[in-house]
Each structure stands twice: as C-alpha cells, then as structure tokens.
C-alpha atoms as a PDB file:
ATOM      1  CA  MET A   1     -38.415 -31.979 -38.732  1.00  0.00           C
ATOM      2  CA  THR A   2     -34.763 -32.937 -38.214  1.00  0.00           C
ATOM      3  CA  ASN A   3     -33.643 -29.353 -38.727  1.00  0.00           C
ATOM      4  CA  ILE A   4     -36.081 -28.136 -36.097  1.00  0.00           C
ATOM      5  CA  SER A   5     -35.025 -30.714 -33.493  1.00  0.00           C
ATOM      6  CA  PHE A   6     -31.322 -30.028 -34.191  1.00  0.00           C
ATOM      7  CA  SER A   7     -31.958 -26.304 -33.761  1.00  0.00           C
ATOM      8  CA  LEU A   8     -33.745 -26.915 -30.444  1.00  0.00           C
ATOM      9  CA  PHE A   9     -30.904 -29.132 -29.246  1.00  0.00           C
ATOM     10  CA  LYS A  10     -28.333 -26.472 -30.273  1.00  0.00           C
ATOM     11  CA  ASN A  11     -30.231 -23.736 -28.348  1.00  0.00           C
ATOM     12  CA  PHE A  12     -30.580 -26.068 -25.347  1.00  0.00           C
ATOM     13  CA  GLY A  13     -26.784 -26.599 -25.342  1.00  0.00           C
ATOM     14  CA  HIS A  14     -26.209 -22.828 -25.499  1.00  0.00           C
ATOM     15  CA  HIS A  15     -28.586 -22.239 -22.555  1.00  0.00           C
ATOM     16  CA  LEU A  16     -26.939 -25.055 -20.602  1.00  0.00           C
ATOM     17  CA  LYS A  17     -23.500 -23.431 -21.062  1.00  0.00           C
ATOM     18  CA  ASN A  18     -24.883 -20.084 -19.865  1.00  0.00           C
ATOM     19  CA  ALA A  19     -26.475 -21.721 -16.830  1.00  0.00           C
ATOM     20  CA  MET A  20     -23.183 -23.448 -15.958  1.00  0.00           C
ATOM     21  CA  ALA A  21     -21.322 -20.141 -16.309  1.00  0.00           C
ATOM     22  CA  CYS A  22     -23.834 -18.481 -13.954  1.00  0.00           C
ATOM     23  CA  LYS A  23     -23.441 -21.354 -11.487  1.00  0.00           C
ATOM     24  CA  SER A  24     -19.647 -20.891 -11.609  1.00  0.00           C
ATOM     25  CA  LEU A  25     -20.046 -17.165 -11.034  1.00  0.00           C
ATOM     26  CA  ILE A  26     -22.354 -17.781  -8.080  1.00  0.00           C
ATOM     27  CA  LYS A  27     -19.760 -20.141  -6.550  1.00  0.00           C
ATOM     28  CA  ARG A  28     -17.126 -17.398  -6.798  1.00  0.00           C
ATOM     29  CA  PHE A  29     -19.381 -15.077  -4.824  1.00  0.00           C
ATOM     30  CA  SER A  30     -20.488 -17.741  -2.360  1.00  0.00           C
ATOM     31  CA  PHE A  31     -19.177 -15.611   0.500  1.00  0.00           C
ATOM     32  CA  LEU A  32     -22.168 -13.329  -0.211  1.00  0.00           C
ATOM     33  CA  LYS A  33     -24.830 -15.635   1.158  1.00  0.00           C
ATOM     34  CA  SER A  34     -27.378 -13.227   2.534  1.00  0.00           C
ATOM     35  CA  ARG A  35     -29.181 -10.278   1.023  1.00  0.00           C
ATOM     36  CA  LYS A  36     -27.456  -8.025   3.577  1.00  0.00           C
ATOM     37  CA  GLN A  37     -24.032  -9.173   2.355  1.00  0.00           C
ATOM     38  CA  TRP A  38     -25.037  -8.550  -1.274  1.00  0.00           C
ATOM     39  CA  VAL A  39     -26.176  -5.017  -0.402  1.00  0.00           C
ATOM     40  CA  LYS A  40     -22.916  -4.349   1.473  1.00  0.00           C
ATOM     41  CA  GLY A  41     -20.879  -5.677  -1.478  1.00  0.00           C
ATOM     42  CA  PHE A  42     -22.837  -3.557  -3.958  1.00  0.00           C
ATOM     43  CA  CYS A  43     -22.472  -0.428  -1.784  1.00  0.00           C
ATOM     44  CA  PHE A  44     -18.717  -1.068  -1.458  1.00  0.00           C
ATOM     45  CA  PHE A  45     -18.448  -1.374  -5.254  1.00  0.00           C
ATOM     46  CA  VAL A  46     -20.359   1.892  -5.800  1.00  0.00           C
ATOM     47  CA  ILE A  47     -18.205   3.746  -3.237  1.00  0.00           C
ATOM     48  CA  VAL A  48     -14.953   2.479  -4.782  1.00  0.00           C
ATOM     49  CA  PHE A  49     -16.169   3.377  -8.290  1.00  0.00           C
ATOM     50  CA  ALA A  50     -17.208   6.888  -7.173  1.00  0.00           C
ATOM     51  CA  LEU A  51     -13.889   7.400  -5.362  1.00  0.00           C
ATOM     52  CA  MET A  52     -11.952   6.384  -8.472  1.00  0.00           C
ATOM     53  CA  ALA A  53     -13.973   8.821 -10.603  1.00  0.00           C
ATOM     54  CA  PHE A  54     -13.382  11.620  -8.064  1.00  0.00           C
ATOM     55  CA  LEU A  55      -9.643  10.965  -7.840  1.00  0.00           C
ATOM     56  CA  LYS A  56      -9.295  10.898 -11.613  1.00  0.00           C
ATOM     57  CA  GLU A  57     -10.726  14.433 -11.771  1.00  0.00           C
ATOM     58  CA  HIS A  58      -8.694  15.857  -8.857  1.00  0.00           C
ATOM     59  CA  VAL A  59      -5.479  13.867  -8.371  1.00  0.00           C
ATOM     60  CA  CYS A  60      -2.762  12.618 -10.712  1.00  0.00           C
ATOM     61  CA  LEU A  61       0.568  10.845 -10.187  1.00  0.00           C
ATOM     62  CA  LEU A  62       3.563  12.369 -12.024  1.00  0.00           C
ATOM     63  CA  TYR A  63       7.072  11.092 -12.659  1.00  0.00           C
ATOM     64  CA  SER A  64       9.960  13.397 -13.574  1.00  0.00           C
ATOM     65  CA  THR A  65      12.711  12.009 -15.798  1.00  0.00           C
ATOM     66  CA  THR A  66      15.057  14.995 -15.394  1.00  0.00           C
ATOM     67  CA  ALA A  67      17.523  15.795 -12.615  1.00  0.00           C
ATOM     68  CA  SER A  68      16.328  19.393 -12.238  1.00  0.00           C
ATOM     69  CA  LEU A  69      14.548  18.608  -8.947  1.00  0.00           C
ATOM     70  CA  PRO A  70      15.647  16.495  -5.965  1.00  0.00           C
ATOM     71  CA  HIS A  71      12.487  14.357  -6.230  1.00  0.00           C
ATOM     72  CA  ARG A  72      11.252  12.129  -9.052  1.00  0.00           C
ATOM     73  CA  THR A  73       7.691  11.177  -8.071  1.00  0.00           C
ATOM     74  CA  PHE A  74       4.965  13.753  -7.466  1.00  0.00           C
ATOM     75  CA  LEU A  75       1.270  13.905  -6.665  1.00  0.00           C
ATOM     76  CA  LYS A  76      -0.589  16.569  -8.680  1.00  0.00           C
ATOM     77  CA  LEU A  77      -3.585  18.122  -6.917  1.00  0.00           C
ATOM     78  CA  LYS A  78      -5.414  19.683  -9.857  1.00  0.00           C
ATOM     79  CA  GLN A  79      -7.903  21.757  -7.868  1.00  0.00           C
ATOM     80  CA  MET A  80      -5.383  23.422  -5.501  1.00  0.00           C
ATOM     81  CA  ASN A  81      -3.846  26.767  -6.437  1.00  0.00           C
ATOM     82  CA  PRO A  82      -0.073  26.735  -5.922  1.00  0.00           C
ATOM     83  CA  GLN A  83       1.612  29.494  -3.907  1.00  0.00           C
ATOM     84  CA  LYS A  84       5.182  30.807  -3.779  1.00  0.00           C
ATOM     85  CA  GLY A  85       7.427  27.984  -2.560  1.00  0.00           C
ATOM     86  CA  ASP A  86       5.141  25.217  -3.929  1.00  0.00           C
ATOM     87  CA  TYR A  87       5.879  22.901  -6.801  1.00  0.00           C
ATOM     88  CA  THR A  88       3.575  23.212  -9.793  1.00  0.00           C
ATOM     89  CA  CYS A  89       3.096  21.665 -13.230  1.00  0.00           C
ATOM     90  CA  PHE A  90       2.555  23.291 -16.642  1.00  0.00           C
ATOM     91  CA  ASP A  91       2.991  22.498 -20.336  1.00  0.00           C
ATOM     92  CA  SER A  92       6.235  23.609 -21.969  1.00  0.00           C
ATOM     93  CA  PRO A  93       6.712  23.777 -25.740  1.00  0.00           C
ATOM     94  CA  TRP A  94      10.497  23.545 -25.165  1.00  0.00           C
ATOM     95  CA  TYR A  95      10.108  20.098 -23.591  1.00  0.00           C
ATOM     96  CA  GLY A  96       7.072  19.127 -25.638  1.00  0.00           C
ATOM     97  CA  GLY A  97       5.099  18.156 -22.531  1.00  0.00           C
ATOM     98  CA  SER A  98       4.413  18.863 -18.882  1.00  0.00           C
ATOM     99  CA  VAL A  99       7.153  19.943 -16.489  1.00  0.00           C
ATOM    100  CA  VAL A 100       7.334  20.273 -12.711  1.00  0.00           C
ATOM    101  CA  LYS A 101       9.064  23.358 -11.265  1.00  0.00           C
ATOM    102  CA  LYS A 102       9.058  25.319  -8.011  1.00  0.00           C
ATOM    103  CA  ILE A 103       7.460  28.788  -7.841  1.00  0.00           C
ATOM    104  CA  VAL A 104      10.159  31.133  -6.490  1.00  0.00           C
ATOM    105  CA  GLY A 105       8.851  34.495  -7.700  1.00  0.00           C
ATOM    106  CA  VAL A 106       5.390  36.059  -7.916  1.00  0.00           C
ATOM    107  CA  ALA A 107       3.845  39.334  -9.135  1.00  0.00           C
ATOM    108  CA  GLY A 108       5.680  42.353  -7.731  1.00  0.00           C
ATOM    109  CA  ASP A 109       9.018  40.571  -7.153  1.00  0.00           C
ATOM    110  CA  SER A 110      11.947  42.244  -8.902  1.00  0.00           C
ATOM    111  CA  ILE A 111      14.363  40.403 -11.196  1.00  0.00           C
ATOM    112  CA  SER A 112      17.894  41.813 -11.310  1.00  0.00           C
ATOM    113  CA  TYR A 113      21.546  40.886 -11.847  1.00  0.00           C
ATOM    114  CA  ASP A 114      24.554  42.003  -9.811  1.00  0.00           C
ATOM    115  CA  HIS A 115      27.923  43.069 -11.312  1.00  0.00           C
ATOM    116  CA  GLU A 116      29.092  39.403 -11.437  1.00  0.00           C
ATOM    117  CA  GLY A 117      26.023  38.273 -13.407  1.00  0.00           C
ATOM    118  CA  ASN A 118      24.253  36.570 -10.477  1.00  0.00           C
ATOM    119  CA  LEU A 119      20.454  36.503 -10.702  1.00  0.00           C
ATOM    120  CA  TRP A 120      18.466  38.063  -7.841  1.00  0.00           C
ATOM    121  CA  LEU A 121      14.750  37.775  -7.151  1.00  0.00           C
ATOM    122  CA  LYS A 122      13.740  40.522  -4.763  1.00  0.00           C
ATOM    123  CA  THR A 123      16.440  40.049  -2.081  1.00  0.00           C
ATOM    124  CA  LEU A 124      17.069  36.371  -2.816  1.00  0.00           C
ATOM    125  CA  TRP A 125      20.305  35.497  -4.613  1.00  0.00           C
ATOM    126  CA  ILE A 126      19.127  32.594  -6.747  1.00  0.00           C
ATOM    127  CA  GLY A 127      22.610  31.133  -7.266  1.00  0.00           C
ATOM    128  CA  ARG A 128      23.363  30.842  -3.548  1.00  0.00           C
ATOM    129  CA  GLN A 129      19.889  29.807  -2.374  1.00  0.00           C
ATOM    130  CA  LEU A 130      19.285  27.133  -5.004  1.00  0.00           C
ATOM    131  CA  LYS A 131      22.939  26.499  -5.921  1.00  0.00           C
ATOM    132  CA  VAL A 132      22.270  26.921  -9.633  1.00  0.00           C
ATOM    133  CA  GLY A 133      25.137  29.253 -10.522  1.00  0.00           C
ATOM    134  CA  LEU A 134      25.212  31.719 -13.385  1.00  0.00           C
ATOM    135  CA  PRO A 135      22.768  31.304 -16.299  1.00  0.00           C
ATOM    136  CA  LYS A 136      24.131  29.034 -19.056  1.00  0.00           C
ATOM    137  CA  LYS A 137      24.753  30.158 -22.649  1.00  0.00           C
ATOM    138  CA  LYS A 138      23.497  26.913 -24.259  1.00  0.00           C
ATOM    139  CA  SER A 139      21.143  24.086 -23.358  1.00  0.00           C
ATOM    140  CA  LYS A 140      22.372  20.489 -23.040  1.00  0.00           C
ATOM    141  CA  ASP A 141      21.317  19.824 -26.633  1.00  0.00           C
ATOM    142  CA  GLY A 142      23.183  22.912 -27.922  1.00  0.00           C
ATOM    143  CA  ARG A 143      20.286  25.340 -28.371  1.00  0.00           C
ATOM    144  CA  PRO A 144      21.214  28.943 -27.427  1.00  0.00           C
ATOM    145  CA  LEU A 145      19.782  30.305 -24.171  1.00  0.00           C
ATOM    146  CA  THR A 146      18.977  33.956 -23.448  1.00  0.00           C
ATOM    147  CA  PRO A 147      18.985  35.102 -19.785  1.00  0.00           C
ATOM    148  CA  ILE A 148      15.727  36.738 -18.677  1.00  0.00           C
ATOM    149  CA  LYS A 149      15.728  40.539 -18.713  1.00  0.00           C
ATOM    150  CA  PRO A 150      15.716  42.488 -15.420  1.00  0.00           C
ATOM    151  CA  GLY A 151      12.375  43.923 -14.356  1.00  0.00           C
ATOM    152  CA  VAL A 152       9.371  43.351 -12.122  1.00  0.00           C
ATOM    153  CA  ILE A 153       7.216  40.232 -12.428  1.00  0.00           C
ATOM    154  CA  PRO A 154       3.838  41.465 -13.740  1.00  0.00           C
ATOM    155  CA  LYS A 155       0.457  40.554 -12.269  1.00  0.00           C
ATOM    156  CA  GLY A 156      -0.743  37.094 -13.302  1.00  0.00           C
ATOM    157  CA  MET A 157       2.787  35.708 -13.903  1.00  0.00           C
ATOM    158  CA  VAL A 158       5.175  33.553 -11.827  1.00  0.00           C
ATOM    159  CA  PHE A 159       8.903  32.792 -11.929  1.00  0.00           C
ATOM    160  CA  VAL A 160       9.603  29.038 -11.726  1.00  0.00           C
ATOM    161  CA  MET A 161      12.857  27.141 -11.189  1.00  0.00           C
ATOM    162  CA  GLY A 162      14.365  23.740 -10.720  1.00  0.00           C
ATOM    163  CA  ASP A 163      17.061  23.003  -8.129  1.00  0.00           C
ATOM    164  CA  HIS A 164      19.698  21.781 -10.587  1.00  0.00           C
ATOM    165  CA  GLU A 165      22.262  24.091 -12.245  1.00  0.00           C
ATOM    166  CA  ARG A 166      21.292  22.746 -15.713  1.00  0.00           C
ATOM    167  CA  SER A 167      17.558  23.213 -15.073  1.00  0.00           C
ATOM    168  CA  PHE A 168      15.743  24.956 -17.897  1.00  0.00           C
ATOM    169  CA  ASP A 169      13.376  27.384 -16.193  1.00  0.00           C
ATOM    170  CA  SER A 170      12.282  31.036 -15.949  1.00  0.00           C
ATOM    171  CA  ARG A 171      15.918  32.187 -15.815  1.00  0.00           C
ATOM    172  CA  TYR A 172      15.812  31.970 -19.607  1.00  0.00           C
ATOM    173  CA  GLU A 173      13.699  33.984 -22.062  1.00  0.00           C
ATOM    174  CA  GLU A 174      12.973  30.760 -23.989  1.00  0.00           C
ATOM    175  CA  MET A 175      10.768  29.633 -21.072  1.00  0.00           C
ATOM    176  CA  GLY A 176      10.230  32.982 -19.402  1.00  0.00           C
ATOM    177  CA  LEU A 177       7.624  33.838 -16.835  1.00  0.00           C
ATOM    178  CA  ILE A 178       4.676  31.453 -16.646  1.00  0.00           C
ATOM    179  CA  PRO A 179       1.064  32.724 -16.698  1.00  0.00           C
ATOM    180  CA  GLU A 180      -0.848  31.730 -13.551  1.00  0.00           C
ATOM    181  CA  HIS A 181      -3.709  30.382 -15.692  1.00  0.00           C
ATOM    182  CA  ALA A 182      -1.276  27.863 -17.267  1.00  0.00           C
ATOM    183  CA  LEU A 183      -0.453  26.298 -13.880  1.00  0.00           C
ATOM    184  CA  GLN A 184      -2.144  22.905 -13.540  1.00  0.00           C
ATOM    185  CA  GLY A 185      -2.420  22.820  -9.766  1.00  0.00           C
ATOM    186  CA  ARG A 186      -0.208  22.204  -6.766  1.00  0.00           C
ATOM    187  CA  VAL A 187       2.309  19.385  -6.936  1.00  0.00           C
ATOM    188  CA  ILE A 188       3.564  17.561  -3.839  1.00  0.00           C
ATOM    189  CA  ALA A 189       6.878  15.686  -3.883  1.00  0.00           C
ATOM    190  CA  LEU A 190       6.579  12.037  -2.811  1.00  0.00           C
ATOM    191  CA  LEU A 191       9.933  10.372  -3.558  1.00  0.00           C
END
C-alpha cells in the first residue's frame, strides 16, 4: 500500500511540474489573448518558416577569403543563370572548394596572345581592362602554371577571371574553361 501511495504522489508531483511549466509558457505568450491574435501569430510563424525554407533552396551568402576580387561578401542566387559580365560560383579542385569569379568570355569568343604575351579575349585586352598583367609562371604556393592555349571558346564553356593579378582563373590550363553546367548560379557582390 505504501508503494502505491508513493507512486501516486510521485506522478502527482510530475504532473504538477508540467502544469507549472505550461502556466509559465502561457505567461510568456500573454500578449496573445484572443483567438484572433493566436491565429495571426500562427500564420506569421508559418510564413516565416516557409520563407526560410524557400531562401535556403534559392539564396546563399558567400564570403571570399582571397584578394582576387574587389569584394568579399556575395549573395548567391542559385536559380539564376549567369551571363557574361556577371559573377558566378563553381567548385574548383585546385582550391578544394567553391570559388567566385567573373565571366568575361563565352562560347564563340576567341582567345589569343599578342607579340608581347598579352592575353586577348575577342577584342578585349585582358591585361589592360582588368589590370592583371601577363600570365604568371608559378602560383603563390610554387606550383607551375601553364597559360591557356589560343583558340575559340567552345559551346557550353565560359572563361572566368578575378580582378587581381595573382588571381588563379581561366588564364591557366590548370583551371581552364569552365563548363556552363558547373556554374552554381549568379553571384551578386554585396561588400
């Protein structure tokens, strides 16, 4: 008999704690006094939750740690197809992760060098326009770099670049031209 009464008392104490916790929770939401306010609060919660789920699928914030671009913070719009002149993002085995670069050449643009070794895309002198100079022989960490071969950018490929002279980009065979299907959307510079 004592075991049964102790068990009942123990359960009663557990239920009392739960009731007090509910009462505390109700006090926190005391600003929701009417049914209309509860419905508004619930609808607001559902809208915010749905918006967060939508943004997760379509938008992403990126931060660049390199000096190859004038900006450091970017907004990636995953569902937008980037065009020539836009920033984009793609995975690079050289870096071991995602990189942000600007699309400066598309299918049909010619890649050539002049007698001084300056790189030209169509009629754009890359060294003067982007102030990147001649292609480098080695990367910052000492790996050899091979300048991209002259030719025409084939269909389905893009030529990407950074704005810094030490930027590792499509000027080098090690990165090369990037397939359009590898682009992860349009990227907009924020800061």
